[in-house]
N, C-alpha and C. Protein backbone atom coordinates (compact mmCIF):
# COMPACT_ATOMS: atom_id res chain seq x y z
N MET A 1 9.96 -54.22 -39.70
CA MET A 1 11.63 -54.88 -39.82
C MET A 1 12.06 -54.51 -41.04
N ARG A 2 11.96 -54.68 -42.64
CA ARG A 2 11.94 -54.69 -43.69
C ARG A 2 12.13 -53.10 -44.30
N GLY A 3 10.56 -52.42 -43.58
CA GLY A 3 10.52 -51.15 -43.91
C GLY A 3 11.72 -50.33 -42.91
N LYS A 4 12.15 -51.22 -41.98
CA LYS A 4 13.23 -50.12 -40.93
C LYS A 4 14.47 -49.75 -41.07
N ALA A 5 14.48 -50.97 -42.39
CA ALA A 5 15.44 -51.17 -42.61
C ALA A 5 16.38 -49.94 -43.55
N ALA A 6 14.68 -49.85 -44.88
CA ALA A 6 15.02 -49.72 -45.94
C ALA A 6 14.95 -48.01 -45.69
N ASP A 7 14.20 -47.65 -44.88
CA ASP A 7 14.23 -46.46 -43.89
C ASP A 7 16.25 -45.63 -43.44
N LEU A 8 16.46 -46.78 -42.80
CA LEU A 8 17.60 -46.96 -42.48
C LEU A 8 18.81 -46.81 -43.70
N ILE A 9 18.84 -47.11 -44.50
CA ILE A 9 19.60 -47.46 -45.90
C ILE A 9 19.46 -45.82 -46.54
N ARG A 10 17.95 -45.14 -46.60
CA ARG A 10 17.51 -44.00 -47.15
C ARG A 10 18.43 -43.34 -46.59
N ASN A 11 18.04 -43.06 -44.86
CA ASN A 11 19.38 -42.39 -43.95
C ASN A 11 20.41 -41.62 -44.49
N LEU A 12 20.36 -43.60 -44.48
CA LEU A 12 22.78 -43.41 -44.26
C LEU A 12 22.98 -42.92 -46.06
N ALA A 13 22.51 -43.09 -46.42
CA ALA A 13 22.65 -42.35 -48.09
C ALA A 13 22.75 -41.15 -48.39
N ALA A 14 21.79 -41.01 -47.88
CA ALA A 14 21.41 -39.01 -47.63
C ALA A 14 22.86 -38.22 -47.31
N ARG A 15 23.84 -38.79 -46.52
CA ARG A 15 24.31 -38.04 -45.43
C ARG A 15 25.11 -37.92 -46.23
N SER A 16 25.75 -38.44 -47.56
CA SER A 16 26.73 -38.11 -47.61
C SER A 16 26.37 -38.96 -49.18
N PRO A 17 27.65 -37.99 -50.24
CA PRO A 17 27.32 -38.59 -51.91
C PRO A 17 27.88 -40.39 -51.84
N HIS A 18 29.06 -40.33 -51.23
CA HIS A 18 29.98 -41.23 -50.60
C HIS A 18 29.45 -42.21 -50.46
N ARG A 19 28.84 -42.52 -49.14
CA ARG A 19 27.82 -43.34 -49.03
C ARG A 19 26.79 -43.06 -49.30
N HIS A 20 26.09 -42.79 -50.24
CA HIS A 20 24.92 -43.08 -51.50
C HIS A 20 25.48 -44.35 -52.48
N PHE A 21 27.19 -43.74 -52.84
CA PHE A 21 27.60 -44.92 -53.51
C PHE A 21 27.91 -46.30 -53.07
N LYS A 22 28.19 -46.00 -51.61
CA LYS A 22 28.61 -47.12 -51.23
C LYS A 22 27.31 -48.30 -51.47
N LEU A 23 26.00 -47.46 -50.32
CA LEU A 23 25.38 -48.19 -50.47
C LEU A 23 24.43 -48.43 -51.69
N LEU A 24 24.23 -47.99 -52.92
CA LEU A 24 24.12 -48.57 -53.82
C LEU A 24 24.66 -49.66 -54.66
N ALA A 25 26.15 -49.73 -54.39
CA ALA A 25 26.53 -50.82 -54.92
C ALA A 25 26.45 -52.04 -54.07
N LEU A 26 26.07 -51.89 -52.87
CA LEU A 26 26.06 -53.14 -52.07
C LEU A 26 24.53 -53.57 -52.20
N LEU A 27 23.72 -52.16 -52.38
CA LEU A 27 22.32 -53.24 -52.73
C LEU A 27 22.31 -53.57 -54.30
N ALA A 28 22.94 -53.43 -55.22
CA ALA A 28 22.66 -53.43 -56.31
C ALA A 28 23.69 -55.09 -56.56
N GLY A 29 24.49 -55.42 -55.14
CA GLY A 29 25.39 -56.69 -55.50
C GLY A 29 23.96 -57.83 -54.77
N GLN A 30 23.09 -57.40 -54.53
CA GLN A 30 22.31 -58.80 -54.16
C GLN A 30 21.52 -58.87 -55.01
N LEU A 31 21.46 -58.20 -56.53
CA LEU A 31 20.89 -58.59 -57.33
C LEU A 31 19.75 -59.80 -57.20
N ALA A 32 21.63 -60.87 -57.29
CA ALA A 32 21.50 -62.29 -57.85
C ALA A 32 20.52 -62.67 -56.69
N ALA A 33 20.36 -62.52 -55.66
CA ALA A 33 19.58 -63.15 -54.19
C ALA A 33 18.77 -63.00 -54.39
N ALA A 34 18.19 -61.93 -54.73
CA ALA A 34 16.37 -61.18 -54.93
C ALA A 34 15.72 -62.24 -55.49
N ARG A 35 16.27 -62.79 -56.77
CA ARG A 35 15.58 -64.31 -57.07
C ARG A 35 15.00 -64.76 -55.97
N GLN A 36 15.41 -65.40 -55.39
CA GLN A 36 15.24 -65.91 -53.75
C GLN A 36 13.84 -65.04 -53.40
N ALA A 37 14.34 -64.33 -52.88
CA ALA A 37 13.83 -63.44 -51.88
C ALA A 37 12.06 -62.93 -51.60
N GLY A 38 11.23 -63.15 -52.62
CA GLY A 38 10.17 -63.50 -52.70
C GLY A 38 10.35 -61.85 -53.01
N SER A 39 9.21 -61.73 -51.78
CA SER A 39 8.04 -60.10 -51.76
C SER A 39 9.54 -58.84 -51.26
N GLY A 40 10.48 -59.47 -50.94
CA GLY A 40 11.38 -58.93 -50.61
C GLY A 40 11.83 -58.12 -51.68
N ALA A 41 12.52 -59.22 -52.62
CA ALA A 41 12.78 -58.42 -53.73
C ALA A 41 11.77 -57.36 -54.26
N ALA A 42 11.12 -57.16 -53.93
CA ALA A 42 10.26 -55.59 -54.34
C ALA A 42 10.59 -54.98 -53.63
N GLU A 43 11.09 -55.04 -52.60
CA GLU A 43 11.44 -53.81 -51.46
C GLU A 43 12.87 -53.22 -52.03
N LEU A 44 13.67 -54.38 -52.68
CA LEU A 44 15.03 -54.31 -52.83
C LEU A 44 14.87 -53.24 -54.34
N PHE A 45 14.16 -53.76 -55.64
CA PHE A 45 14.31 -53.00 -55.99
C PHE A 45 13.66 -52.03 -56.12
N GLY A 46 12.53 -51.47 -55.01
CA GLY A 46 12.02 -49.95 -54.80
C GLY A 46 13.16 -49.13 -54.51
N LEU A 47 14.08 -49.62 -53.44
CA LEU A 47 15.34 -49.37 -52.71
C LEU A 47 16.16 -48.93 -53.95
N LEU A 48 16.82 -49.50 -54.95
CA LEU A 48 17.63 -49.58 -55.68
C LEU A 48 17.34 -48.17 -56.80
N SER A 49 15.66 -48.40 -57.23
CA SER A 49 15.42 -47.38 -57.61
C SER A 49 14.87 -46.12 -57.22
N GLU A 50 14.99 -45.29 -56.54
CA GLU A 50 15.22 -44.07 -55.41
C GLU A 50 16.14 -44.07 -55.54
N LEU A 51 17.31 -44.84 -54.79
CA LEU A 51 18.78 -44.45 -54.68
C LEU A 51 19.55 -44.53 -56.09
N ALA A 52 18.73 -44.57 -57.06
CA ALA A 52 19.69 -44.92 -58.83
C ALA A 52 18.44 -43.61 -59.53
N ALA A 53 18.19 -42.42 -58.75
CA ALA A 53 17.21 -41.54 -59.27
C ALA A 53 17.77 -40.44 -59.73
N GLU A 54 19.16 -39.98 -59.90
CA GLU A 54 19.51 -39.22 -60.02
C GLU A 54 20.59 -39.48 -60.93
N PRO A 55 20.96 -38.98 -61.96
CA PRO A 55 21.80 -39.62 -63.13
C PRO A 55 23.59 -40.23 -62.50
N THR A 56 24.22 -39.25 -61.73
CA THR A 56 25.17 -39.59 -61.78
C THR A 56 24.87 -41.30 -60.92
N ALA A 57 24.28 -41.65 -60.04
CA ALA A 57 23.81 -42.75 -60.02
C ALA A 57 23.10 -43.69 -61.16
N ARG A 58 22.75 -43.74 -62.17
CA ARG A 58 22.47 -44.07 -63.04
C ARG A 58 24.18 -44.60 -63.58
N ARG A 59 24.57 -43.21 -63.61
CA ARG A 59 26.09 -43.81 -64.46
C ARG A 59 27.18 -44.50 -63.84
N PHE A 60 26.90 -44.29 -62.06
CA PHE A 60 27.57 -44.94 -61.46
C PHE A 60 27.32 -46.41 -61.37
N LEU A 61 26.08 -46.96 -61.69
CA LEU A 61 25.73 -48.42 -61.72
C LEU A 61 26.05 -48.80 -63.74
N VAL A 62 25.80 -47.98 -64.50
CA VAL A 62 25.93 -48.17 -65.18
C VAL A 62 27.95 -48.85 -65.56
N ALA A 63 28.99 -47.94 -65.02
CA ALA A 63 30.06 -48.33 -64.85
C ALA A 63 30.80 -49.59 -64.10
N ARG A 64 29.79 -49.40 -63.55
CA ARG A 64 29.91 -50.93 -62.48
C ARG A 64 29.51 -52.29 -63.19
N GLY A 65 28.67 -52.36 -64.23
CA GLY A 65 28.60 -53.64 -65.58
C GLY A 65 26.97 -53.83 -64.64
N PHE A 66 25.93 -52.89 -64.05
CA PHE A 66 25.05 -53.17 -63.26
C PHE A 66 23.89 -53.62 -64.20
N HIS A 67 23.98 -53.20 -65.76
CA HIS A 67 22.96 -53.42 -66.37
C HIS A 67 22.70 -54.46 -67.31
N ALA A 68 24.56 -54.94 -67.68
CA ALA A 68 24.38 -56.01 -67.94
C ALA A 68 23.82 -57.60 -67.04
N GLN A 69 24.25 -57.25 -65.79
CA GLN A 69 23.48 -58.24 -64.92
C GLN A 69 22.18 -57.90 -64.51
N LEU A 70 21.65 -57.09 -64.46
CA LEU A 70 20.11 -56.56 -64.33
C LEU A 70 19.21 -57.23 -66.13
N CYS A 71 20.40 -56.73 -67.06
CA CYS A 71 19.40 -58.00 -68.17
C CYS A 71 20.17 -59.18 -68.62
N SER A 72 20.64 -59.91 -67.06
CA SER A 72 21.04 -61.22 -67.29
C SER A 72 20.18 -61.78 -66.19
N ALA A 73 19.34 -61.45 -65.60
CA ALA A 73 18.32 -61.57 -64.28
C ALA A 73 17.71 -61.62 -64.41
N LEU A 74 16.91 -60.79 -66.15
CA LEU A 74 15.90 -60.85 -66.07
C LEU A 74 15.86 -61.69 -67.33
N ARG A 75 16.66 -62.14 -67.99
CA ARG A 75 16.72 -63.18 -69.11
C ARG A 75 16.20 -64.83 -68.15
N VAL A 76 16.78 -64.89 -67.29
CA VAL A 76 16.59 -65.92 -65.95
C VAL A 76 15.38 -65.72 -65.60
N GLU A 77 15.17 -64.08 -65.21
CA GLU A 77 13.74 -64.56 -64.94
C GLU A 77 12.93 -64.95 -65.43
N VAL A 78 12.43 -64.89 -66.88
CA VAL A 78 11.74 -64.85 -68.29
C VAL A 78 11.34 -66.55 -68.59
N ALA A 79 12.57 -66.80 -68.84
CA ALA A 79 13.14 -68.29 -69.08
C ALA A 79 12.75 -69.18 -67.81
N THR A 80 12.40 -68.48 -66.73
CA THR A 80 11.64 -69.50 -65.76
C THR A 80 9.67 -69.10 -65.86
N ILE A 81 9.38 -68.43 -66.82
CA ILE A 81 8.06 -67.79 -65.91
C ILE A 81 7.50 -68.97 -67.41
N ARG A 82 8.23 -68.33 -69.03
CA ARG A 82 7.89 -69.21 -69.89
C ARG A 82 7.82 -70.64 -69.70
N ALA A 83 8.69 -71.82 -69.36
CA ALA A 83 9.07 -72.62 -68.19
C ALA A 83 7.93 -73.16 -67.91
N ARG A 84 7.44 -71.86 -66.22
CA ARG A 84 5.86 -72.63 -65.60
C ARG A 84 4.96 -72.51 -66.94
N GLU A 85 5.08 -71.74 -67.78
CA GLU A 85 3.73 -71.52 -68.29
C GLU A 85 3.67 -72.62 -69.29
N HIS A 86 4.64 -73.00 -69.52
CA HIS A 86 4.32 -74.85 -70.33
C HIS A 86 4.06 -75.41 -69.81
N VAL A 87 4.48 -76.00 -68.72
CA VAL A 87 4.00 -76.80 -67.42
C VAL A 87 2.52 -75.92 -67.78
N VAL A 88 1.91 -75.73 -67.04
CA VAL A 88 0.79 -74.99 -67.23
C VAL A 88 -0.02 -75.57 -68.27
N VAL A 89 0.25 -74.88 -69.63
CA VAL A 89 -0.93 -75.50 -71.15
C VAL A 89 -0.40 -76.67 -71.07
N THR A 90 0.70 -77.85 -70.48
CA THR A 90 0.75 -79.06 -70.91
C THR A 90 -0.65 -79.42 -69.96
N ASP A 91 -0.43 -78.73 -68.55
CA ASP A 91 -1.62 -79.62 -67.43
C ASP A 91 -2.91 -79.43 -67.88
N VAL A 92 -3.38 -77.71 -68.91
CA VAL A 92 -5.23 -77.88 -69.01
C VAL A 92 -5.02 -78.85 -70.00
N SER A 93 -4.60 -78.86 -70.74
CA SER A 93 -4.41 -79.96 -72.55
C SER A 93 -4.53 -81.35 -72.36
N GLN A 94 -4.32 -81.85 -70.50
CA GLN A 94 -4.48 -83.42 -70.00
C GLN A 94 -5.59 -82.96 -69.76
N VAL A 95 -6.84 -81.99 -69.78
CA VAL A 95 -7.86 -82.55 -68.45
C VAL A 95 -8.62 -82.20 -69.25
């Protein structure tokens, strides 16, 4: 189902530049929810990557502050991974 939704988004985005940017903004707005999406996050990032392939799309994202949002999300994810690693190292050292 997600694959069909992604195909629909691709087809809609290809119809006009205005629609392309609207959909790109919509997907970029889902960044915060991507952490809870699990495997769906990979599809979101793949679709975002495809829609942002053109330089004008990347400039659009920069102008909307997407890179700052992405960096913030990455910082949170790195902190989460480090915390999990610390728990695993502590568990292993107790064995």
